[in-house]
C-alpha cells in the first residue's frame, strides 16, 4: 500500500550550489539536511526535510551515472517522484498485475531504503520510485 509521497527528486550539476538555493527558498536550517552517497545509483544526494516529505537533490558521482546522462540531456530539473510503501514486493506484484513493469528488481537506495523504479514510458513520462523503509 502506498502511504505517502516520500520525496521529490531534482537532478543538479552542483550539489552545494543547489543546496544553498533550496535552503534559501525553503528557509530551512542546515540541520534539516542530510547528505550521503548512494553507490548503487552512483550519486551524491542531499535530503531536505519539509514536514513528512523531502526534497532530494541528486548530483552524479561520475559521467556514467544515470543522473549524469539525465543532466546532459535535460539540464538541472525535476527527476522523479517517490512514494513510500510498506511492502515493495506486494507493490511490484500489484503493478505487474496491471501490466506496469518495474525497471529491474528492488535494490538498496538512499537512507538504506529498498527502492524500485517505474520507467517513464509506462507512467505518462514521469519517472516514479517506490521506497520501503528497512526494519
N, C-alpha and C. Protein backbone atom coordinates (compact mmCIF):
# COMPACT_ATOMS: atom_id res chain seq x y z
N UNK A 1 0.84 -1.18 0.00
CA UNK A 1 0.00 0.00 0.00
C UNK A 1 0.89 1.25 0.00
N UNK A 2 0.52 2.21 -0.81
CA UNK A 2 1.24 3.48 -0.83
C UNK A 2 0.79 4.29 0.37
N UNK A 3 1.77 4.80 1.13
CA UNK A 3 1.47 5.53 2.36
C UNK A 3 1.49 7.04 2.16
N UNK A 4 2.45 7.52 1.35
CA UNK A 4 2.58 8.97 1.16
C UNK A 4 3.63 9.24 0.09
N UNK A 5 3.76 10.49 -0.30
CA UNK A 5 4.90 10.88 -1.13
C UNK A 5 6.09 10.96 -0.20
N UNK A 6 7.12 10.18 -0.50
CA UNK A 6 8.33 10.17 0.32
C UNK A 6 9.22 11.36 -0.03
N UNK A 7 9.47 11.55 -1.33
CA UNK A 7 10.28 12.69 -1.74
C UNK A 7 10.07 13.03 -3.21
N UNK A 8 10.48 14.23 -3.54
CA UNK A 8 10.53 14.70 -4.92
C UNK A 8 11.99 14.96 -5.22
N UNK A 9 12.49 14.33 -6.29
CA UNK A 9 13.92 14.38 -6.60
C UNK A 9 14.20 15.36 -7.73
N UNK A 10 15.28 16.10 -7.56
CA UNK A 10 15.73 17.09 -8.53
C UNK A 10 17.19 16.80 -8.87
N UNK A 11 17.47 16.63 -10.16
CA UNK A 11 18.85 16.38 -10.62
C UNK A 11 19.57 17.73 -10.71
N UNK A 12 20.80 17.77 -10.19
CA UNK A 12 21.59 19.01 -10.20
C UNK A 12 23.03 18.73 -10.61
N UNK A 13 23.65 19.70 -11.26
CA UNK A 13 25.06 19.59 -11.62
C UNK A 13 25.95 19.80 -10.40
N UNK A 14 25.55 20.74 -9.52
CA UNK A 14 26.38 21.12 -8.38
C UNK A 14 25.54 21.08 -7.10
N UNK A 15 25.81 20.08 -6.28
CA UNK A 15 25.01 19.87 -5.07
C UNK A 15 25.10 21.04 -4.10
N UNK A 16 26.30 21.56 -3.87
CA UNK A 16 26.46 22.65 -2.89
C UNK A 16 25.71 23.91 -3.32
N UNK A 17 25.79 24.25 -4.59
CA UNK A 17 25.08 25.43 -5.10
C UNK A 17 23.57 25.24 -4.99
N UNK A 18 23.09 24.05 -5.38
CA UNK A 18 21.66 23.78 -5.30
C UNK A 18 21.17 23.78 -3.85
N UNK A 19 22.00 23.24 -2.95
CA UNK A 19 21.63 23.24 -1.53
C UNK A 19 21.45 24.66 -1.01
N UNK A 20 22.37 25.53 -1.38
CA UNK A 20 22.27 26.93 -0.95
C UNK A 20 20.96 27.55 -1.45
N UNK A 21 20.65 27.31 -2.72
CA UNK A 21 19.42 27.85 -3.30
C UNK A 21 18.19 27.32 -2.56
N UNK A 22 18.12 26.00 -2.39
CA UNK A 22 16.93 25.42 -1.75
C UNK A 22 16.84 25.75 -0.27
N UNK A 23 17.98 25.88 0.41
CA UNK A 23 17.94 26.32 1.81
C UNK A 23 17.34 27.72 1.89
N UNK A 24 17.73 28.60 0.97
CA UNK A 24 17.20 29.96 0.97
C UNK A 24 15.72 29.98 0.61
N UNK A 25 15.32 29.22 -0.40
CA UNK A 25 13.92 29.19 -0.82
C UNK A 25 13.03 28.63 0.29
N UNK A 26 13.47 27.54 0.91
CA UNK A 26 12.65 26.86 1.91
C UNK A 26 12.83 27.40 3.32
N UNK A 27 13.87 28.20 3.54
CA UNK A 27 14.11 28.76 4.86
C UNK A 27 14.44 27.72 5.90
N UNK A 28 15.17 26.69 5.51
CA UNK A 28 15.47 25.61 6.45
C UNK A 28 16.89 25.72 7.00
N UNK A 29 17.07 25.14 8.17
CA UNK A 29 18.38 25.13 8.82
C UNK A 29 19.25 24.03 8.23
N UNK A 30 20.54 24.17 8.37
CA UNK A 30 21.49 23.15 7.89
C UNK A 30 21.21 21.79 8.55
N UNK A 31 20.70 21.80 9.78
CA UNK A 31 20.42 20.57 10.50
C UNK A 31 19.30 19.76 9.83
N UNK A 32 18.48 20.42 8.99
CA UNK A 32 17.38 19.74 8.31
C UNK A 32 17.85 19.00 7.06
N UNK A 33 19.16 19.06 6.78
CA UNK A 33 19.72 18.48 5.55
C UNK A 33 20.60 17.28 5.88
N UNK A 34 20.39 16.20 5.14
CA UNK A 34 21.22 15.00 5.27
C UNK A 34 21.86 14.71 3.92
N UNK A 35 23.18 14.57 3.89
CA UNK A 35 23.91 14.28 2.65
C UNK A 35 24.52 12.89 2.75
N UNK A 36 24.44 12.13 1.65
CA UNK A 36 25.06 10.80 1.61
C UNK A 36 25.38 10.43 0.16
N UNK A 37 26.20 9.41 0.02
CA UNK A 37 26.49 8.84 -1.29
C UNK A 37 25.70 7.55 -1.44
N UNK A 38 25.21 7.30 -2.65
CA UNK A 38 24.46 6.08 -2.94
C UNK A 38 25.20 5.35 -4.06
N UNK A 39 26.09 4.43 -3.68
CA UNK A 39 26.89 3.74 -4.69
C UNK A 39 26.07 2.99 -5.74
N UNK A 40 24.93 2.41 -5.34
CA UNK A 40 24.12 1.64 -6.29
C UNK A 40 23.59 2.51 -7.42
N UNK A 41 23.45 3.80 -7.17
CA UNK A 41 22.96 4.74 -8.18
C UNK A 41 24.05 5.68 -8.68
N UNK A 42 25.24 5.60 -8.08
CA UNK A 42 26.39 6.43 -8.48
C UNK A 42 26.08 7.93 -8.35
N UNK A 43 25.48 8.30 -7.20
CA UNK A 43 25.10 9.69 -6.95
C UNK A 43 25.42 10.11 -5.52
N UNK A 44 25.57 11.41 -5.34
CA UNK A 44 25.54 12.05 -4.02
C UNK A 44 24.17 12.66 -3.90
N UNK A 45 23.56 12.50 -2.73
CA UNK A 45 22.23 13.05 -2.53
C UNK A 45 22.19 13.92 -1.28
N UNK A 46 21.31 14.88 -1.33
CA UNK A 46 21.02 15.70 -0.16
C UNK A 46 19.51 15.67 0.03
N UNK A 47 19.08 15.33 1.23
CA UNK A 47 17.66 15.33 1.57
C UNK A 47 17.37 16.54 2.44
N UNK A 48 16.37 17.30 2.03
CA UNK A 48 15.91 18.45 2.80
C UNK A 48 14.51 18.12 3.30
N UNK A 49 14.34 18.01 4.60
CA UNK A 49 13.04 17.64 5.18
C UNK A 49 12.10 18.83 5.18
N UNK A 50 10.87 18.54 4.76
CA UNK A 50 9.79 19.52 4.79
C UNK A 50 8.56 18.78 5.31
N UNK A 51 8.27 18.92 6.58
CA UNK A 51 7.17 18.16 7.16
C UNK A 51 7.45 16.68 7.05
N UNK A 52 6.49 15.93 6.51
CA UNK A 52 6.65 14.48 6.37
C UNK A 52 7.30 14.06 5.06
N UNK A 53 7.60 14.99 4.19
CA UNK A 53 8.22 14.65 2.92
C UNK A 53 9.57 15.33 2.79
N UNK A 54 10.26 15.04 1.69
CA UNK A 54 11.60 15.59 1.50
C UNK A 54 11.78 16.04 0.06
N UNK A 55 12.70 16.97 -0.13
CA UNK A 55 13.25 17.28 -1.44
C UNK A 55 14.58 16.56 -1.49
N UNK A 56 14.83 15.81 -2.56
CA UNK A 56 16.08 15.09 -2.74
C UNK A 56 16.83 15.72 -3.91
N UNK A 57 18.02 16.22 -3.64
CA UNK A 57 18.88 16.76 -4.70
C UNK A 57 19.87 15.67 -5.08
N UNK A 58 20.00 15.40 -6.38
CA UNK A 58 20.85 14.33 -6.89
C UNK A 58 21.99 14.90 -7.72
N UNK A 59 23.22 14.58 -7.35
CA UNK A 59 24.39 15.01 -8.11
C UNK A 59 25.15 13.76 -8.57
N UNK A 60 25.49 13.65 -9.86
CA UNK A 60 26.21 12.46 -10.33
C UNK A 60 27.61 12.39 -9.73
N UNK A 61 28.06 11.16 -9.45
CA UNK A 61 29.42 10.94 -8.97
C UNK A 61 30.37 10.60 -10.12
N UNK A 62 29.82 10.32 -11.30
CA UNK A 62 30.64 10.07 -12.49
C UNK A 62 29.80 10.35 -13.73
N UNK A 63 30.49 10.45 -14.86
CA UNK A 63 29.79 10.69 -16.13
C UNK A 63 28.98 9.49 -16.59
N UNK A 64 29.21 8.33 -15.97
CA UNK A 64 28.49 7.12 -16.35
C UNK A 64 27.18 6.94 -15.59
N UNK A 65 26.93 7.76 -14.59
CA UNK A 65 25.70 7.58 -13.80
C UNK A 65 24.48 7.99 -14.62
N UNK A 66 23.34 7.39 -14.28
CA UNK A 66 22.09 7.74 -14.95
C UNK A 66 21.76 9.22 -14.77
N UNK A 67 22.12 9.78 -13.63
CA UNK A 67 21.85 11.20 -13.38
C UNK A 67 22.71 12.08 -14.29
N UNK A 68 23.97 11.70 -14.52
CA UNK A 68 24.82 12.46 -15.44
C UNK A 68 24.22 12.46 -16.84
N UNK A 69 23.71 11.32 -17.26
CA UNK A 69 23.08 11.21 -18.59
C UNK A 69 21.80 12.04 -18.65
N UNK A 70 21.03 12.01 -17.57
CA UNK A 70 19.81 12.83 -17.50
C UNK A 70 20.17 14.31 -17.62
N UNK A 71 21.19 14.74 -16.86
CA UNK A 71 21.59 16.15 -16.88
C UNK A 71 22.11 16.56 -18.25
N UNK A 72 22.87 15.69 -18.92
CA UNK A 72 23.39 16.00 -20.25
C UNK A 72 22.25 16.22 -21.24
N UNK A 73 21.19 15.46 -21.08
CA UNK A 73 20.05 15.55 -22.00
C UNK A 73 19.09 16.67 -21.64
N UNK A 74 18.84 16.86 -20.32
CA UNK A 74 17.77 17.76 -19.87
C UNK A 74 18.22 18.97 -19.07
N UNK A 75 19.44 18.95 -18.53
CA UNK A 75 19.86 20.01 -17.62
C UNK A 75 19.26 19.79 -16.23
N UNK A 76 19.55 20.69 -15.32
CA UNK A 76 19.02 20.60 -13.96
C UNK A 76 17.49 20.59 -14.00
N UNK A 77 16.89 19.82 -13.09
CA UNK A 77 15.43 19.86 -13.01
C UNK A 77 14.85 18.62 -12.37
N UNK A 78 13.54 18.60 -12.35
CA UNK A 78 12.78 17.52 -11.73
C UNK A 78 13.20 16.18 -12.33
N UNK A 79 13.46 15.20 -11.47
CA UNK A 79 13.87 13.88 -11.93
C UNK A 79 12.82 12.81 -11.67
N UNK A 80 12.33 12.69 -10.43
CA UNK A 80 11.32 11.69 -10.14
C UNK A 80 10.53 12.02 -8.88
N UNK A 81 9.42 11.31 -8.72
CA UNK A 81 8.60 11.38 -7.51
C UNK A 81 8.67 10.00 -6.86
N UNK A 82 8.90 9.97 -5.55
CA UNK A 82 8.99 8.69 -4.83
C UNK A 82 7.83 8.55 -3.87
N UNK A 83 7.25 7.35 -3.88
CA UNK A 83 6.16 7.01 -2.98
C UNK A 83 6.66 6.04 -1.93
N UNK A 84 6.27 6.27 -0.68
CA UNK A 84 6.62 5.32 0.39
C UNK A 84 5.58 4.21 0.41
N UNK A 85 6.08 2.99 0.54
CA UNK A 85 5.21 1.83 0.66
C UNK A 85 5.70 0.99 1.84
N UNK A 86 4.80 0.21 2.40
CA UNK A 86 5.21 -0.66 3.50
C UNK A 86 5.58 -2.06 3.01
N UNK A 87 5.35 -2.35 1.70
CA UNK A 87 5.69 -3.67 1.16
C UNK A 87 5.99 -3.54 -0.34
N UNK A 88 7.25 -3.34 -0.65
CA UNK A 88 7.64 -3.10 -2.05
C UNK A 88 7.42 -4.32 -2.93
N UNK A 89 7.55 -5.52 -2.37
CA UNK A 89 7.30 -6.73 -3.16
C UNK A 89 5.83 -6.83 -3.56
N UNK A 90 4.93 -6.54 -2.63
CA UNK A 90 3.49 -6.57 -2.96
C UNK A 90 3.14 -5.51 -3.99
N UNK A 91 3.75 -4.32 -3.85
CA UNK A 91 3.51 -3.26 -4.84
C UNK A 91 4.02 -3.68 -6.22
N UNK A 92 5.18 -4.34 -6.25
CA UNK A 92 5.74 -4.81 -7.52
C UNK A 92 4.78 -5.82 -8.17
N UNK A 93 4.27 -6.76 -7.38
CA UNK A 93 3.31 -7.75 -7.89
C UNK A 93 2.03 -7.07 -8.37
N UNK A 94 1.53 -6.12 -7.59
CA UNK A 94 0.30 -5.41 -7.96
C UNK A 94 0.49 -4.68 -9.28
N UNK A 95 1.63 -4.00 -9.44
CA UNK A 95 1.90 -3.25 -10.66
C UNK A 95 1.99 -4.19 -11.87
N UNK A 96 2.70 -5.30 -11.70
CA UNK A 96 2.81 -6.26 -12.80
C UNK A 96 1.43 -6.81 -13.18
N UNK A 97 0.54 -6.95 -12.20
CA UNK A 97 -0.80 -7.48 -12.49
C UNK A 97 -1.63 -6.52 -13.34
N UNK A 98 -1.24 -5.26 -13.38
CA UNK A 98 -1.93 -4.28 -14.23
C UNK A 98 -1.03 -3.84 -15.39
N UNK A 99 -0.06 -4.71 -15.72
CA UNK A 99 0.83 -4.52 -16.88
C UNK A 99 1.72 -3.29 -16.81
N UNK A 100 2.16 -2.95 -15.60
CA UNK A 100 3.17 -1.91 -15.41
C UNK A 100 4.40 -2.59 -14.83
N UNK A 101 5.48 -2.59 -15.61
CA UNK A 101 6.66 -3.36 -15.23
C UNK A 101 7.76 -2.48 -14.64
N UNK A 102 8.26 -2.86 -13.48
CA UNK A 102 9.35 -2.12 -12.84
C UNK A 102 10.64 -2.21 -13.65
N UNK A 103 11.51 -1.23 -13.43
CA UNK A 103 12.85 -1.23 -14.02
C UNK A 103 13.74 -2.07 -13.11
N UNK A 104 13.82 -3.33 -13.32
CA UNK A 104 14.66 -4.19 -12.50
C UNK A 104 14.02 -4.57 -11.18
N UNK A 105 14.82 -5.26 -10.39
CA UNK A 105 14.37 -5.74 -9.08
C UNK A 105 14.59 -4.66 -8.02
N UNK A 106 13.85 -4.72 -6.90
CA UNK A 106 14.13 -3.80 -5.81
C UNK A 106 15.58 -3.92 -5.35
N UNK A 107 16.18 -2.77 -4.97
CA UNK A 107 17.57 -2.74 -4.51
C UNK A 107 17.71 -1.70 -3.42
N UNK A 108 18.90 -1.64 -2.81
CA UNK A 108 19.13 -0.67 -1.74
C UNK A 108 19.38 0.71 -2.33
N UNK A 109 18.72 1.70 -1.73
CA UNK A 109 18.87 3.08 -2.15
C UNK A 109 19.30 3.97 -0.99
N UNK A 110 19.10 5.26 -1.14
CA UNK A 110 19.49 6.23 -0.11
C UNK A 110 18.77 5.93 1.20
N UNK A 111 19.43 6.22 2.30
CA UNK A 111 18.85 6.03 3.62
C UNK A 111 18.63 4.57 3.98
N UNK A 112 19.26 3.66 3.22
CA UNK A 112 19.09 2.23 3.49
C UNK A 112 17.73 1.70 3.09
N UNK A 113 16.95 2.49 2.34
CA UNK A 113 15.62 2.03 1.91
C UNK A 113 15.75 1.07 0.74
N UNK A 114 14.77 0.20 0.62
CA UNK A 114 14.65 -0.68 -0.54
C UNK A 114 13.85 0.12 -1.57
N UNK A 115 14.37 0.18 -2.81
CA UNK A 115 13.74 1.01 -3.84
C UNK A 115 13.54 0.24 -5.15
N UNK A 116 12.60 0.71 -5.95
CA UNK A 116 12.46 0.26 -7.33
C UNK A 116 11.79 1.39 -8.11
N UNK A 117 12.09 1.40 -9.41
CA UNK A 117 11.60 2.47 -10.28
C UNK A 117 10.66 1.92 -11.34
N UNK A 118 9.79 2.82 -11.83
CA UNK A 118 8.93 2.54 -12.98
C UNK A 118 9.36 3.46 -14.11
N UNK A 119 9.53 2.90 -15.30
CA UNK A 119 10.01 3.67 -16.45
C UNK A 119 8.97 4.72 -16.85
N UNK A 120 9.43 5.92 -17.21
CA UNK A 120 8.50 6.97 -17.63
C UNK A 120 7.62 6.59 -18.82
N UNK A 121 8.08 5.67 -19.66
CA UNK A 121 7.26 5.23 -20.79
C UNK A 121 5.99 4.54 -20.30
N UNK A 122 6.03 4.01 -19.08
CA UNK A 122 4.88 3.30 -18.52
C UNK A 122 3.99 4.21 -17.67
N UNK A 123 4.48 5.41 -17.35
CA UNK A 123 3.77 6.25 -16.38
C UNK A 123 3.66 7.70 -16.85
N UNK A 124 3.17 7.88 -18.06
CA UNK A 124 2.91 9.20 -18.61
C UNK A 124 4.11 10.15 -18.55
N UNK A 125 5.30 9.60 -18.84
CA UNK A 125 6.55 10.37 -18.92
C UNK A 125 7.05 10.89 -17.58
N UNK A 126 6.62 10.26 -16.48
CA UNK A 126 7.10 10.63 -15.15
C UNK A 126 7.81 9.41 -14.56
N UNK A 127 9.10 9.58 -14.20
CA UNK A 127 9.82 8.51 -13.52
C UNK A 127 9.28 8.42 -12.09
N UNK A 128 8.82 7.23 -11.71
CA UNK A 128 8.29 7.02 -10.37
C UNK A 128 9.17 6.03 -9.62
N UNK A 129 9.33 6.28 -8.34
CA UNK A 129 10.10 5.41 -7.46
C UNK A 129 9.18 4.94 -6.34
N UNK A 130 9.37 3.70 -5.91
CA UNK A 130 8.72 3.18 -4.72
C UNK A 130 9.83 2.93 -3.71
N UNK A 131 9.62 3.31 -2.47
CA UNK A 131 10.64 3.17 -1.43
C UNK A 131 10.02 2.55 -0.18
N UNK A 132 10.76 1.60 0.40
CA UNK A 132 10.31 0.94 1.61
C UNK A 132 11.40 1.05 2.66
N UNK A 133 11.03 1.54 3.84
CA UNK A 133 11.97 1.60 4.96
C UNK A 133 12.36 0.19 5.36
N UNK A 134 13.65 -0.02 5.61
CA UNK A 134 14.11 -1.31 6.11
C UNK A 134 13.96 -1.32 7.62
N UNK A 135 13.58 -2.45 8.18
CA UNK A 135 13.35 -2.53 9.62
C UNK A 135 14.57 -2.97 10.35
